[in-house]
Amino acid sequence: MYKQIATFFALIASAMAFVPEPVAKVASKAAIAAVPVAAFSTPAFAMDSIIEAMPTNTVALEVQFGAYLAVLLGTFLPVLFLVNLYIQTESRKAGKAGGQDSE
């Protein structure tokens, strides 16, 4: 039961990693409204390079929450499985040996 729930959440997290987050409507309307005004108010030679018109690094490096969740689940779920498998294997070895932990 728990494996099915964990698998479901992992599937949702991996799907959320590829869904773009919505942009605020006010910001997008303001940006669209400012483009024609900026194009007519500045002369063509005023822009030194196209690099200045590109978005900054902070915009380019934004990561969505679903991507963080997918990485965390993709890392911790296999690790927890392997730790559990190791503990079970060691307890079975101890049971076969008949030592103190053989109950």
C-alpha atoms as a PDB file:
ATOM      1  CA  MET A   1       0.000   0.000   0.000  1.00  0.00           C
ATOM      2  CA  TYR A   2       2.758   2.429   0.999  1.00  0.00           C
ATOM      3  CA  LYS A   3       4.781   1.567  -2.076  1.00  0.00           C
ATOM      4  CA  GLN A   4       1.847   2.462  -4.306  1.00  0.00           C
ATOM      5  CA  ILE A   5       1.382   5.814  -2.565  1.00  0.00           C
ATOM      6  CA  ALA A   6       5.106   6.597  -2.778  1.00  0.00           C
ATOM      7  CA  THR A   7       5.136   5.619  -6.454  1.00  0.00           C
ATOM      8  CA  PHE A   8       2.128   7.834  -7.104  1.00  0.00           C
ATOM      9  CA  PHE A   9       3.785  10.842  -5.453  1.00  0.00           C
ATOM     10  CA  ALA A  10       7.030  10.193  -7.329  1.00  0.00           C
ATOM     11  CA  LEU A  11       5.098  10.103 -10.608  1.00  0.00           C
ATOM     12  CA  ILE A  12       3.328  13.368  -9.787  1.00  0.00           C
ATOM     13  CA  ALA A  13       6.620  15.008  -8.768  1.00  0.00           C
ATOM     14  CA  SER A  14       8.345  13.974 -11.972  1.00  0.00           C
ATOM     15  CA  ALA A  15       5.428  15.286 -14.023  1.00  0.00           C
ATOM     16  CA  MET A  16       5.451  18.589 -12.113  1.00  0.00           C
ATOM     17  CA  ALA A  17       9.108  19.090 -13.019  1.00  0.00           C
ATOM     18  CA  PHE A  18       8.197  19.714 -16.658  1.00  0.00           C
ATOM     19  CA  VAL A  19       5.155  21.969 -16.191  1.00  0.00           C
ATOM     20  CA  PRO A  20       5.922  25.684 -16.508  1.00  0.00           C
ATOM     21  CA  GLU A  21       4.770  27.885 -13.682  1.00  0.00           C
ATOM     22  CA  PRO A  22       2.279  30.615 -14.645  1.00  0.00           C
ATOM     23  CA  VAL A  23       3.568  34.166 -14.981  1.00  0.00           C
ATOM     24  CA  ALA A  24       1.717  36.885 -13.153  1.00  0.00           C
ATOM     25  CA  LYS A  25      -0.842  38.523 -15.454  1.00  0.00           C
ATOM     26  CA  VAL A  26       0.057  42.026 -14.330  1.00  0.00           C
ATOM     27  CA  ALA A  27       3.749  41.539 -15.097  1.00  0.00           C
ATOM     28  CA  SER A  28       3.089  40.070 -18.532  1.00  0.00           C
ATOM     29  CA  LYS A  29       0.642  42.857 -19.459  1.00  0.00           C
ATOM     30  CA  ALA A  30       3.102  45.512 -18.315  1.00  0.00           C
ATOM     31  CA  ALA A  31       5.910  43.933 -20.319  1.00  0.00           C
ATOM     32  CA  ILE A  32       3.778  43.726 -23.462  1.00  0.00           C
ATOM     33  CA  ALA A  33       2.634  47.314 -23.050  1.00  0.00           C
ATOM     34  CA  ALA A  34       6.192  48.577 -22.561  1.00  0.00           C
ATOM     35  CA  VAL A  35       7.640  46.962 -25.707  1.00  0.00           C
ATOM     36  CA  PRO A  36       6.090  49.299 -28.326  1.00  0.00           C
ATOM     37  CA  VAL A  37       6.857  52.407 -26.252  1.00  0.00           C
ATOM     38  CA  ALA A  38      10.497  51.398 -25.825  1.00  0.00           C
ATOM     39  CA  ALA A  39      10.854  50.611 -29.520  1.00  0.00           C
ATOM     40  CA  PHE A  40       9.683  54.076 -30.622  1.00  0.00           C
ATOM     41  CA  SER A  41      11.258  56.153 -27.867  1.00  0.00           C
ATOM     42  CA  THR A  42      14.872  54.999 -28.372  1.00  0.00           C
ATOM     43  CA  PRO A  43      16.775  55.369 -31.623  1.00  0.00           C
ATOM     44  CA  ALA A  44      18.173  52.288 -33.346  1.00  0.00           C
ATOM     45  CA  PHE A  45      21.802  53.122 -32.565  1.00  0.00           C
ATOM     46  CA  ALA A  46      21.154  53.522 -28.826  1.00  0.00           C
ATOM     47  CA  MET A  47      21.325  49.779 -28.125  1.00  0.00           C
ATOM     48  CA  ASP A  48      24.989  48.788 -27.866  1.00  0.00           C
ATOM     49  CA  SER A  49      24.574  45.037 -28.039  1.00  0.00           C
ATOM     50  CA  ILE A  50      21.925  42.368 -27.990  1.00  0.00           C
ATOM     51  CA  ILE A  51      23.451  40.951 -24.799  1.00  0.00           C
ATOM     52  CA  GLU A  52      22.029  43.849 -22.799  1.00  0.00           C
ATOM     53  CA  ALA A  53      18.531  43.055 -24.048  1.00  0.00           C
ATOM     54  CA  MET A  54      18.719  39.416 -22.916  1.00  0.00           C
ATOM     55  CA  PRO A  55      17.227  38.377 -19.564  1.00  0.00           C
ATOM     56  CA  THR A  56      19.463  38.260 -16.529  1.00  0.00           C
ATOM     57  CA  ASN A  57      20.933  35.098 -15.054  1.00  0.00           C
ATOM     58  CA  THR A  58      18.470  35.070 -12.183  1.00  0.00           C
ATOM     59  CA  VAL A  59      15.605  34.529 -14.605  1.00  0.00           C
ATOM     60  CA  ALA A  60      17.489  31.861 -16.525  1.00  0.00           C
ATOM     61  CA  LEU A  61      18.403  29.912 -13.389  1.00  0.00           C
ATOM     62  CA  GLU A  62      14.945  29.649 -11.869  1.00  0.00           C
ATOM     63  CA  VAL A  63      14.039  26.066 -10.986  1.00  0.00           C
ATOM     64  CA  GLN A  64      10.513  24.868 -10.415  1.00  0.00           C
ATOM     65  CA  PHE A  65       9.416  23.201  -7.187  1.00  0.00           C
ATOM     66  CA  GLY A  66       8.516  19.995  -9.006  1.00  0.00           C
ATOM     67  CA  ALA A  67      12.099  19.624 -10.191  1.00  0.00           C
ATOM     68  CA  TYR A  68      13.389  19.834  -6.626  1.00  0.00           C
ATOM     69  CA  LEU A  69      10.814  17.293  -5.528  1.00  0.00           C
ATOM     70  CA  ALA A  70      11.671  14.910  -8.360  1.00  0.00           C
ATOM     71  CA  VAL A  71      15.380  15.066  -7.535  1.00  0.00           C
ATOM     72  CA  LEU A  72      14.781  14.531  -3.823  1.00  0.00           C
ATOM     73  CA  LEU A  73      12.407  11.613  -4.325  1.00  0.00           C
ATOM     74  CA  GLY A  74      14.597  10.143  -7.032  1.00  0.00           C
ATOM     75  CA  THR A  75      17.540  10.226  -4.635  1.00  0.00           C
ATOM     76  CA  PHE A  76      16.028   9.273  -1.302  1.00  0.00           C
ATOM     77  CA  LEU A  77      13.613   6.523  -2.351  1.00  0.00           C
ATOM     78  CA  PRO A  78      16.299   4.269  -3.887  1.00  0.00           C
ATOM     79  CA  VAL A  79      18.648   4.992  -0.964  1.00  0.00           C
ATOM     80  CA  LEU A  80      15.971   4.048   1.560  1.00  0.00           C
ATOM     81  CA  PHE A  81      15.228   0.884  -0.403  1.00  0.00           C
ATOM     82  CA  LEU A  82      18.893  -0.126  -0.422  1.00  0.00           C
ATOM     83  CA  VAL A  83      19.318   0.597   3.304  1.00  0.00           C
ATOM     84  CA  ASN A  84      16.238  -1.489   4.057  1.00  0.00           C
ATOM     85  CA  LEU A  85      17.544  -4.306   1.857  1.00  0.00           C
ATOM     86  CA  TYR A  86      20.919  -4.237   3.623  1.00  0.00           C
ATOM     87  CA  ILE A  87      19.311  -4.368   7.075  1.00  0.00           C
ATOM     88  CA  GLN A  88      17.122  -7.315   6.071  1.00  0.00           C
ATOM     89  CA  THR A  89      20.078  -9.182   4.595  1.00  0.00           C
ATOM     90  CA  GLU A  90      22.200  -8.682   7.691  1.00  0.00           C
ATOM     91  CA  SER A  91      19.377  -9.769  10.003  1.00  0.00           C
ATOM     92  CA  ARG A  92      18.869 -12.951   7.949  1.00  0.00           C
ATOM     93  CA  LYS A  93      22.595 -13.710   8.115  1.00  0.00           C
ATOM     94  CA  ALA A  94      22.511 -13.218  11.886  1.00  0.00           C
ATOM     95  CA  GLY A  95      19.468 -15.500  12.160  1.00  0.00           C
ATOM     96  CA  LYS A  96      21.181 -18.268  10.222  1.00  0.00           C
ATOM     97  CA  ALA A  97      24.314 -17.942  12.337  1.00  0.00           C
ATOM     98  CA  GLY A  98      22.269 -18.435  15.532  1.00  0.00           C
ATOM     99  CA  GLY A  99      24.011 -15.743  17.527  1.00  0.00           C
ATOM    100  CA  GLN A 100      22.606 -13.237  19.998  1.00  0.00           C
ATOM    101  CA  ASP A 101      20.321 -11.605  17.394  1.00  0.00           C
ATOM    102  CA  SER A 102      18.839 -14.884  16.126  1.00  0.00           C
ATOM    103  CA  GLU A 103      15.320 -14.266  17.433  1.00  0.00           C
END
